[in-house]
Amino acid sequence: MLPINLIIELGIVSVVLMATRFAAFGRKLAAATLILLALAAFSPLGNLLLYPLQSRFPPWDPSRGAPDGIIVLGGSIDTDLSAAHRTPVVAHAADRLFAPAELARRYPNTRIVFTGGTANLVSTDSREADYSAPILENLGIAKQRLILERDSRNTYENAIFTKQLVAPKPGERWLLVTSAFHMPRSMGIFRKAGFDVEAYPVDWRMGGRDDLFSFTNVGTDGLGRTEVAVREWIGLIAYRLMGRTGELLPGPAKD
């Protein structure tokens, strides 16, 4: 169902149909596929899908004082490439690694937890936490401050395993660092798991409201935003149906 996969699949089907007695339908399907590709790549579609996600939670307010802990969700490291080259390879969402380093300097007594194993269907020994740890250390976080959770395969397991690992006490304040577009689903999952966290969004993929109806002249940029947004909406729907979140689009807690 992801845009680029769906477009390729429809394109293949249209070509096959053109060689059959359904050639007329195949030509129409090919035209529709090209239109869909153009919409996903150049139109504001990606921005329109992405904006409600990444603007759902505002930037964190530091006025309440130092947090007790910081949880950093994985999703930045390509574990396969890291294993192949025997060095950490940051594929995307590098802000998820930069933000905790800055927070660690600002709050020197705060615990830092990185949670991320491998999302591969076939389990391997390559774990994201293992490759992220040296990056965080090089960014200035002392090794003894880092707590690594290396068994989780998805955001749901991030929440469950991290809660078991740190056993948060009543009244403690924990920050959750992840991409802004991923924050609604992440917050919903942590809340459902009984782990009360505060959102610290990073890694924005577009600007504000002024960009909602902006077209792009670089097709890969538009496709990338559409892909990220559709993937996240699918995740929100799936997790809500599975009962792993309490609402379709979790938002800031009501006072």
C-alpha atoms as a PDB file:
ATOM      1  CA  MET A   1       0.000   0.000   0.000  1.00  0.00           C
ATOM      2  CA  LEU A   2       3.001   2.346   0.208  1.00  0.00           C
ATOM      3  CA  PRO A   3       2.922   4.853  -2.671  1.00  0.00           C
ATOM      4  CA  ILE A   4       6.030   3.818  -4.589  1.00  0.00           C
ATOM      5  CA  ASN A   5       5.191   0.103  -4.271  1.00  0.00           C
ATOM      6  CA  LEU A   6       1.584   0.673  -5.296  1.00  0.00           C
ATOM      7  CA  ILE A   7       2.591   2.759  -8.315  1.00  0.00           C
ATOM      8  CA  ILE A   8       5.041   0.105  -9.531  1.00  0.00           C
ATOM      9  CA  GLU A   9       2.478  -2.646  -9.005  1.00  0.00           C
ATOM     10  CA  LEU A  10      -0.188  -0.747 -10.929  1.00  0.00           C
ATOM     11  CA  GLY A  11       2.295  -0.005 -13.714  1.00  0.00           C
ATOM     12  CA  ILE A  12       3.168  -3.685 -14.089  1.00  0.00           C
ATOM     13  CA  VAL A  13      -0.502  -4.672 -14.110  1.00  0.00           C
ATOM     14  CA  SER A  14      -1.282  -2.070 -16.786  1.00  0.00           C
ATOM     15  CA  VAL A  15       1.523  -3.346 -19.043  1.00  0.00           C
ATOM     16  CA  VAL A  16       0.325  -6.940 -18.642  1.00  0.00           C
ATOM     17  CA  LEU A  17      -3.260  -5.948 -19.410  1.00  0.00           C
ATOM     18  CA  MET A  18      -2.186  -4.183 -22.617  1.00  0.00           C
ATOM     19  CA  ALA A  19      -1.113  -7.556 -23.996  1.00  0.00           C
ATOM     20  CA  THR A  20      -4.562  -9.059 -23.406  1.00  0.00           C
ATOM     21  CA  ARG A  21      -8.105  -8.413 -24.564  1.00  0.00           C
ATOM     22  CA  PHE A  22      -8.283  -5.874 -21.715  1.00  0.00           C
ATOM     23  CA  ALA A  23      -5.804  -3.581 -23.485  1.00  0.00           C
ATOM     24  CA  ALA A  24      -8.147  -0.589 -23.346  1.00  0.00           C
ATOM     25  CA  PHE A  25      -8.449  -0.892 -19.581  1.00  0.00           C
ATOM     26  CA  GLY A  26      -4.671  -1.379 -19.366  1.00  0.00           C
ATOM     27  CA  ARG A  27      -4.089   1.938 -21.157  1.00  0.00           C
ATOM     28  CA  LYS A  28      -6.493   3.718 -18.817  1.00  0.00           C
ATOM     29  CA  LEU A  29      -4.792   2.142 -15.813  1.00  0.00           C
ATOM     30  CA  ALA A  30      -1.377   3.228 -17.129  1.00  0.00           C
ATOM     31  CA  ALA A  31      -2.618   6.809 -17.483  1.00  0.00           C
ATOM     32  CA  ALA A  32      -4.075   6.728 -13.965  1.00  0.00           C
ATOM     33  CA  THR A  33      -0.772   5.365 -12.648  1.00  0.00           C
ATOM     34  CA  LEU A  34       1.166   8.239 -14.219  1.00  0.00           C
ATOM     35  CA  ILE A  35      -1.250  10.741 -12.702  1.00  0.00           C
ATOM     36  CA  LEU A  36      -0.859   9.066  -9.288  1.00  0.00           C
ATOM     37  CA  LEU A  37       2.930   9.199  -9.650  1.00  0.00           C
ATOM     38  CA  ALA A  38       2.808  12.906 -10.513  1.00  0.00           C
ATOM     39  CA  LEU A  39       0.544  13.639  -7.532  1.00  0.00           C
ATOM     40  CA  ALA A  40       2.779  11.750  -5.113  1.00  0.00           C
ATOM     41  CA  ALA A  41       5.982  13.288  -6.481  1.00  0.00           C
ATOM     42  CA  PHE A  42       5.161  16.909  -7.306  1.00  0.00           C
ATOM     43  CA  SER A  43       1.840  17.919  -5.724  1.00  0.00           C
ATOM     44  CA  PRO A  44       1.237  19.064  -2.102  1.00  0.00           C
ATOM     45  CA  LEU A  45      -0.188  15.605  -1.289  1.00  0.00           C
ATOM     46  CA  GLY A  46       2.752  14.595   0.895  1.00  0.00           C
ATOM     47  CA  ASN A  47       2.644  17.873   2.814  1.00  0.00           C
ATOM     48  CA  LEU A  48      -1.104  17.622   3.375  1.00  0.00           C
ATOM     49  CA  LEU A  49      -0.716  14.091   4.788  1.00  0.00           C
ATOM     50  CA  LEU A  50       2.384  14.922   6.819  1.00  0.00           C
ATOM     51  CA  TYR A  51       1.394  18.200   8.450  1.00  0.00           C
ATOM     52  CA  PRO A  52      -1.313  16.840  10.819  1.00  0.00           C
ATOM     53  CA  LEU A  53       1.212  14.288  12.074  1.00  0.00           C
ATOM     54  CA  GLN A  54       4.277  16.422  12.653  1.00  0.00           C
ATOM     55  CA  SER A  55       2.363  19.408  14.072  1.00  0.00           C
ATOM     56  CA  ARG A  56       0.304  17.329  16.508  1.00  0.00           C
ATOM     57  CA  PHE A  57       2.708  17.862  19.417  1.00  0.00           C
ATOM     58  CA  PRO A  58       4.358  21.251  20.073  1.00  0.00           C
ATOM     59  CA  PRO A  59       8.055  21.602  20.941  1.00  0.00           C
ATOM     60  CA  TRP A  60       8.853  20.564  24.496  1.00  0.00           C
ATOM     61  CA  ASP A  61       8.586  23.278  27.143  1.00  0.00           C
ATOM     62  CA  PRO A  62      11.675  23.254  29.413  1.00  0.00           C
ATOM     63  CA  SER A  63      10.131  25.640  31.951  1.00  0.00           C
ATOM     64  CA  ARG A  64       9.020  22.740  34.171  1.00  0.00           C
ATOM     65  CA  GLY A  65      12.619  21.870  34.950  1.00  0.00           C
ATOM     66  CA  ALA A  66      14.928  18.941  34.371  1.00  0.00           C
ATOM     67  CA  PRO A  67      13.439  15.576  33.387  1.00  0.00           C
ATOM     68  CA  ASP A  68      14.374  12.376  35.206  1.00  0.00           C
ATOM     69  CA  GLY A  69      15.051  10.469  32.023  1.00  0.00           C
ATOM     70  CA  ILE A  70      15.222  10.683  28.245  1.00  0.00           C
ATOM     71  CA  ILE A  71      14.041   7.899  25.942  1.00  0.00           C
ATOM     72  CA  VAL A  72      15.395   7.899  22.402  1.00  0.00           C
ATOM     73  CA  LEU A  73      13.579   5.761  19.840  1.00  0.00           C
ATOM     74  CA  GLY A  74      15.597   3.945  17.199  1.00  0.00           C
ATOM     75  CA  GLY A  75      15.054   4.420  13.502  1.00  0.00           C
ATOM     76  CA  SER A  76      18.214   6.248  12.461  1.00  0.00           C
ATOM     77  CA  ILE A  77      20.682   3.403  11.931  1.00  0.00           C
ATOM     78  CA  ASP A  78      20.727   0.976   9.007  1.00  0.00           C
ATOM     79  CA  THR A  79      21.791  -2.167  10.850  1.00  0.00           C
ATOM     80  CA  ASP A  80      22.513  -4.203   7.713  1.00  0.00           C
ATOM     81  CA  LEU A  81      24.838  -1.571   6.244  1.00  0.00           C
ATOM     82  CA  SER A  82      26.419  -1.000   9.641  1.00  0.00           C
ATOM     83  CA  ALA A  83      27.173  -4.707   9.957  1.00  0.00           C
ATOM     84  CA  ALA A  84      28.496  -4.902   6.398  1.00  0.00           C
ATOM     85  CA  HIS A  85      30.906  -1.980   6.898  1.00  0.00           C
ATOM     86  CA  ARG A  86      31.553  -2.585  10.600  1.00  0.00           C
ATOM     87  CA  THR A  87      30.757   0.999  11.489  1.00  0.00           C
ATOM     88  CA  PRO A  88      27.524   2.856  12.327  1.00  0.00           C
ATOM     89  CA  VAL A  89      25.660   3.990   9.205  1.00  0.00           C
ATOM     90  CA  VAL A  90      23.061   6.696   9.849  1.00  0.00           C
ATOM     91  CA  ALA A  91      20.436   6.300   7.121  1.00  0.00           C
ATOM     92  CA  HIS A  92      17.961   8.997   8.174  1.00  0.00           C
ATOM     93  CA  ALA A  93      16.430  10.815  11.155  1.00  0.00           C
ATOM     94  CA  ALA A  94      19.859  11.812  12.521  1.00  0.00           C
ATOM     95  CA  ASP A  95      18.115  14.395  14.738  1.00  0.00           C
ATOM     96  CA  ARG A  96      17.051  11.512  16.972  1.00  0.00           C
ATOM     97  CA  LEU A  97      20.735  11.135  17.887  1.00  0.00           C
ATOM     98  CA  PHE A  98      21.688  14.820  18.023  1.00  0.00           C
ATOM     99  CA  ALA A  99      18.831  15.860  20.332  1.00  0.00           C
ATOM    100  CA  PRO A 100      19.684  13.572  23.285  1.00  0.00           C
ATOM    101  CA  ALA A 101      23.318  14.707  23.139  1.00  0.00           C
ATOM    102  CA  GLU A 102      22.220  18.330  23.567  1.00  0.00           C
ATOM    103  CA  LEU A 103      19.759  17.373  26.309  1.00  0.00           C
ATOM    104  CA  ALA A 104      22.426  15.360  28.106  1.00  0.00           C
ATOM    105  CA  ARG A 105      24.681  18.438  28.274  1.00  0.00           C
ATOM    106  CA  ARG A 106      21.810  20.588  29.526  1.00  0.00           C
ATOM    107  CA  TYR A 107      20.713  18.055  32.159  1.00  0.00           C
ATOM    108  CA  PRO A 108      23.835  16.225  33.392  1.00  0.00           C
ATOM    109  CA  ASN A 109      21.984  14.093  35.971  1.00  0.00           C
ATOM    110  CA  THR A 110      19.332  12.758  33.604  1.00  0.00           C
ATOM    111  CA  ARG A 111      19.340   9.114  32.545  1.00  0.00           C
ATOM    112  CA  ILE A 112      19.501   8.383  28.801  1.00  0.00           C
ATOM    113  CA  VAL A 113      17.807   5.313  27.325  1.00  0.00           C
ATOM    114  CA  PHE A 114      18.214   4.259  23.703  1.00  0.00           C
ATOM    115  CA  THR A 115      15.669   1.677  22.561  1.00  0.00           C
ATOM    116  CA  GLY A 116      16.059  -0.167  19.274  1.00  0.00           C
ATOM    117  CA  GLY A 117      16.863  -3.698  18.165  1.00  0.00           C
ATOM    118  CA  THR A 118      16.230  -4.813  14.624  1.00  0.00           C
ATOM    119  CA  ALA A 119      13.142  -4.531  12.443  1.00  0.00           C
ATOM    120  CA  ASN A 120      14.262  -7.328  10.130  1.00  0.00           C
ATOM    121  CA  LEU A 121      11.786 -10.183   9.722  1.00  0.00           C
ATOM    122  CA  VAL A 122      14.695 -12.614  10.014  1.00  0.00           C
ATOM    123  CA  SER A 123      16.466 -11.966  13.304  1.00  0.00           C
ATOM    124  CA  THR A 124      20.151 -11.056  13.152  1.00  0.00           C
ATOM    125  CA  ASP A 125      22.821 -10.145  15.683  1.00  0.00           C
ATOM    126  CA  SER A 126      22.909  -6.580  14.312  1.00  0.00           C
ATOM    127  CA  ARG A 127      21.097  -4.349  16.787  1.00  0.00           C
ATOM    128  CA  GLU A 128      20.547  -0.637  16.367  1.00  0.00           C
ATOM    129  CA  ALA A 129      21.316   0.104  20.005  1.00  0.00           C
ATOM    130  CA  ASP A 130      24.798  -1.388  19.616  1.00  0.00           C
ATOM    131  CA  TYR A 131      25.633   0.919  16.705  1.00  0.00           C
ATOM    132  CA  SER A 132      23.949   3.995  18.186  1.00  0.00           C
ATOM    133  CA  ALA A 133      25.813   3.814  21.485  1.00  0.00           C
ATOM    134  CA  PRO A 134      29.255   4.798  20.085  1.00  0.00           C
ATOM    135  CA  ILE A 135      27.678   7.702  18.165  1.00  0.00           C
ATOM    136  CA  LEU A 136      26.035   9.017  21.331  1.00  0.00           C
ATOM    137  CA  GLU A 137      29.299   8.582  23.240  1.00  0.00           C
ATOM    138  CA  ASN A 138      31.208  10.493  20.558  1.00  0.00           C
ATOM    139  CA  LEU A 139      28.616  13.256  20.850  1.00  0.00           C
ATOM    140  CA  GLY A 140      29.565  13.648  24.516  1.00  0.00           C
ATOM    141  CA  ILE A 141      27.272  11.296  26.467  1.00  0.00           C
ATOM    142  CA  ALA A 142      29.270   9.308  29.022  1.00  0.00           C
ATOM    143  CA  LYS A 143      29.017   5.543  28.580  1.00  0.00           C
ATOM    144  CA  GLN A 144      27.851   5.007  32.161  1.00  0.00           C
ATOM    145  CA  ARG A 145      24.837   7.264  31.551  1.00  0.00           C
ATOM    146  CA  LEU A 146      23.569   5.198  28.645  1.00  0.00           C
ATOM    147  CA  ILE A 147      20.976   2.468  29.112  1.00  0.00           C
ATOM    148  CA  LEU A 148      20.539   0.302  26.018  1.00  0.00           C
ATOM    149  CA  GLU A 149      17.403  -1.652  25.127  1.00  0.00           C
ATOM    150  CA  ARG A 150      18.385  -3.837  22.166  1.00  0.00           C
ATOM    151  CA  ASP A 151      15.596  -6.404  21.777  1.00  0.00           C
ATOM    152  CA  SER A 152      12.637  -4.366  20.480  1.00  0.00           C
ATOM    153  CA  ARG A 153      11.524  -4.741  16.852  1.00  0.00           C
ATOM    154  CA  ASN A 154       8.902  -1.978  16.647  1.00  0.00           C
ATOM    155  CA  THR A 155       7.499   1.003  18.520  1.00  0.00           C
ATOM    156  CA  TYR A 156       5.151  -1.147  20.593  1.00  0.00           C
ATOM    157  CA  GLU A 157       8.065  -3.213  21.886  1.00  0.00           C
ATOM    158  CA  ASN A 158      10.073  -0.005  22.426  1.00  0.00           C
ATOM    159  CA  ALA A 159       7.437   1.052  24.955  1.00  0.00           C
ATOM    160  CA  ILE A 160       6.956  -2.332  26.643  1.00  0.00           C
ATOM    161  CA  PHE A 161      10.627  -3.256  26.961  1.00  0.00           C
ATOM    162  CA  THR A 162      11.749   0.226  28.019  1.00  0.00           C
ATOM    163  CA  LYS A 163       9.161   0.367  30.756  1.00  0.00           C
ATOM    164  CA  GLN A 164      10.326  -3.009  32.052  1.00  0.00           C
ATOM    165  CA  LEU A 165      13.948  -1.891  31.865  1.00  0.00           C
ATOM    166  CA  VAL A 166      13.725   1.440  33.709  1.00  0.00           C
ATOM    167  CA  ALA A 167      10.694   0.775  35.962  1.00  0.00           C
ATOM    168  CA  PRO A 168       9.593   4.443  36.098  1.00  0.00           C
ATOM    169  CA  LYS A 169       8.478   5.624  39.524  1.00  0.00           C
ATOM    170  CA  PRO A 170       5.329   7.703  40.127  1.00  0.00           C
ATOM    171  CA  GLY A 171       6.067  11.375  39.684  1.00  0.00           C
ATOM    172  CA  GLU A 172       9.102  10.861  37.466  1.00  0.00           C
ATOM    173  CA  ARG A 173       9.224  12.822  34.221  1.00  0.00           C
ATOM    174  CA  TRP A 174      10.527  11.117  31.095  1.00  0.00           C
ATOM    175  CA  LEU A 175      11.022  12.703  27.682  1.00  0.00           C
ATOM    176  CA  LEU A 176      10.338  10.760  24.497  1.00  0.00           C
ATOM    177  CA  VAL A 177      12.575  11.725  21.564  1.00  0.00           C
ATOM    178  CA  THR A 178      11.461  10.698  18.102  1.00  0.00           C
ATOM    179  CA  SER A 179      10.591  12.170  14.705  1.00  0.00           C
ATOM    180  CA  ALA A 180       7.752  14.700  14.819  1.00  0.00           C
ATOM    181  CA  PHE A 181       5.643  12.733  12.309  1.00  0.00           C
ATOM    182  CA  HIS A 182       6.107   9.580  14.409  1.00  0.00           C
ATOM    183  CA  MET A 183       5.253  11.249  17.709  1.00  0.00           C
ATOM    184  CA  PRO A 184       1.435  10.749  17.703  1.00  0.00           C
ATOM    185  CA  ARG A 185       1.707   6.976  17.311  1.00  0.00           C
ATOM    186  CA  SER A 186       4.618   6.755  19.753  1.00  0.00           C
ATOM    187  CA  MET A 187       2.848   8.753  22.452  1.00  0.00           C
ATOM    188  CA  GLY A 188      -0.317   6.715  22.005  1.00  0.00           C
ATOM    189  CA  ILE A 189       1.614   3.469  22.399  1.00  0.00           C
ATOM    190  CA  PHE A 190       3.524   4.591  25.497  1.00  0.00           C
ATOM    191  CA  ARG A 191       0.299   5.835  27.091  1.00  0.00           C
ATOM    192  CA  LYS A 192      -1.435   2.538  26.383  1.00  0.00           C
ATOM    193  CA  ALA A 193       1.536   0.731  27.932  1.00  0.00           C
ATOM    194  CA  GLY A 194       1.098   2.797  31.103  1.00  0.00           C
ATOM    195  CA  PHE A 195       4.300   4.787  30.667  1.00  0.00           C
ATOM    196  CA  ASP A 196       3.565   8.516  30.971  1.00  0.00           C
ATOM    197  CA  VAL A 197       6.090  10.408  28.835  1.00  0.00           C
ATOM    198  CA  GLU A 198       6.468  13.948  27.503  1.00  0.00           C
ATOM    199  CA  ALA A 199       6.870  14.529  23.776  1.00  0.00           C
ATOM    200  CA  TYR A 200      10.173  15.908  22.477  1.00  0.00           C
ATOM    201  CA  PRO A 201       9.643  15.994  18.693  1.00  0.00           C
ATOM    202  CA  VAL A 202      12.581  16.300  16.282  1.00  0.00           C
ATOM    203  CA  ASP A 203      13.299  15.542  12.610  1.00  0.00           C
ATOM    204  CA  TRP A 204      10.601  17.657  10.949  1.00  0.00           C
ATOM    205  CA  ARG A 205      10.118  16.874   7.238  1.00  0.00           C
ATOM    206  CA  MET A 206       8.342  20.081   6.151  1.00  0.00           C
ATOM    207  CA  GLY A 207       7.779  23.654   7.341  1.00  0.00           C
ATOM    208  CA  GLY A 208       4.561  25.084   8.714  1.00  0.00           C
ATOM    209  CA  ARG A 209       1.141  25.915   7.301  1.00  0.00           C
ATOM    210  CA  ASP A 210       2.689  28.038   4.550  1.00  0.00           C
ATOM    211  CA  ASP A 211       4.049  24.847   2.960  1.00  0.00           C
ATOM    212  CA  LEU A 212       0.745  22.976   2.959  1.00  0.00           C
ATOM    213  CA  PHE A 213      -0.064  23.717  -0.661  1.00  0.00           C
ATOM    214  CA  SER A 214       3.485  24.002  -1.974  1.00  0.00           C
ATOM    215  CA  PHE A 215       4.478  22.052  -5.079  1.00  0.00           C
ATOM    216  CA  THR A 216       7.979  20.614  -5.452  1.00  0.00           C
ATOM    217  CA  ASN A 217      10.183  20.454  -8.519  1.00  0.00           C
ATOM    218  CA  VAL A 218      12.219  17.524  -7.157  1.00  0.00           C
ATOM    219  CA  GLY A 219      10.134  14.388  -7.516  1.00  0.00           C
ATOM    220  CA  THR A 220      12.126  12.281  -5.052  1.00  0.00           C
ATOM    221  CA  ASP A 221      11.501  14.852  -2.307  1.00  0.00           C
ATOM    222  CA  GLY A 222       7.753  14.762  -2.844  1.00  0.00           C
ATOM    223  CA  LEU A 223       7.722  10.970  -3.071  1.00  0.00           C
ATOM    224  CA  GLY A 224       9.739  10.756   0.138  1.00  0.00           C
ATOM    225  CA  ARG A 225       7.293  12.919   2.099  1.00  0.00           C
ATOM    226  CA  THR A 226       4.297  11.047   0.689  1.00  0.00           C
ATOM    227  CA  GLU A 227       5.913   7.702   1.504  1.00  0.00           C
ATOM    228  CA  VAL A 228       6.694   8.695   5.098  1.00  0.00           C
ATOM    229  CA  ALA A 229       3.208  10.114   5.691  1.00  0.00           C
ATOM    230  CA  VAL A 230       1.309   7.169   4.195  1.00  0.00           C
ATOM    231  CA  ARG A 231       3.445   4.683   6.122  1.00  0.00           C
ATOM    232  CA  GLU A 232       2.700   6.500   9.368  1.00  0.00           C
ATOM    233  CA  TRP A 233      -1.054   6.765   8.715  1.00  0.00           C
ATOM    234  CA  ILE A 234      -1.122   3.022   7.970  1.00  0.00           C
ATOM    235  CA  GLY A 235       0.704   2.453  11.248  1.00  0.00           C
ATOM    236  CA  LEU A 236      -1.757   4.600  13.175  1.00  0.00           C
ATOM    237  CA  ILE A 237      -4.737   2.731  11.743  1.00  0.00           C
ATOM    238  CA  ALA A 238      -3.161  -0.688  12.329  1.00  0.00           C
ATOM    239  CA  TYR A 239      -2.138   0.053  15.909  1.00  0.00           C
ATOM    240  CA  ARG A 240      -5.562   1.453  16.720  1.00  0.00           C
ATOM    241  CA  LEU A 241      -7.257  -1.668  15.314  1.00  0.00           C
ATOM    242  CA  MET A 242      -4.912  -3.866  17.353  1.00  0.00           C
ATOM    243  CA  GLY A 243      -5.715  -1.906  20.503  1.00  0.00           C
ATOM    244  CA  ARG A 244      -2.149  -0.693  20.967  1.00  0.00           C
ATOM    245  CA  THR A 245      -3.273   2.953  21.070  1.00  0.00           C
ATOM    246  CA  GLY A 246      -6.336   4.465  22.677  1.00  0.00           C
ATOM    247  CA  GLU A 247      -7.238   6.773  19.784  1.00  0.00           C
ATOM    248  CA  LEU A 248      -6.537   7.084  16.074  1.00  0.00           C
ATOM    249  CA  LEU A 249      -4.497  10.293  16.283  1.00  0.00           C
ATOM    250  CA  PRO A 250      -3.159  10.785  19.823  1.00  0.00           C
ATOM    251  CA  GLY A 251      -2.514  14.375  20.806  1.00  0.00           C
ATOM    252  CA  PRO A 252      -1.261  16.379  23.783  1.00  0.00           C
ATOM    253  CA  ALA A 253      -2.759  15.405  27.125  1.00  0.00           C
ATOM    254  CA  LYS A 254      -5.682  17.545  28.228  1.00  0.00           C
ATOM    255  CA  ASP A 255      -5.120  19.465  31.452  1.00  0.00           C
END
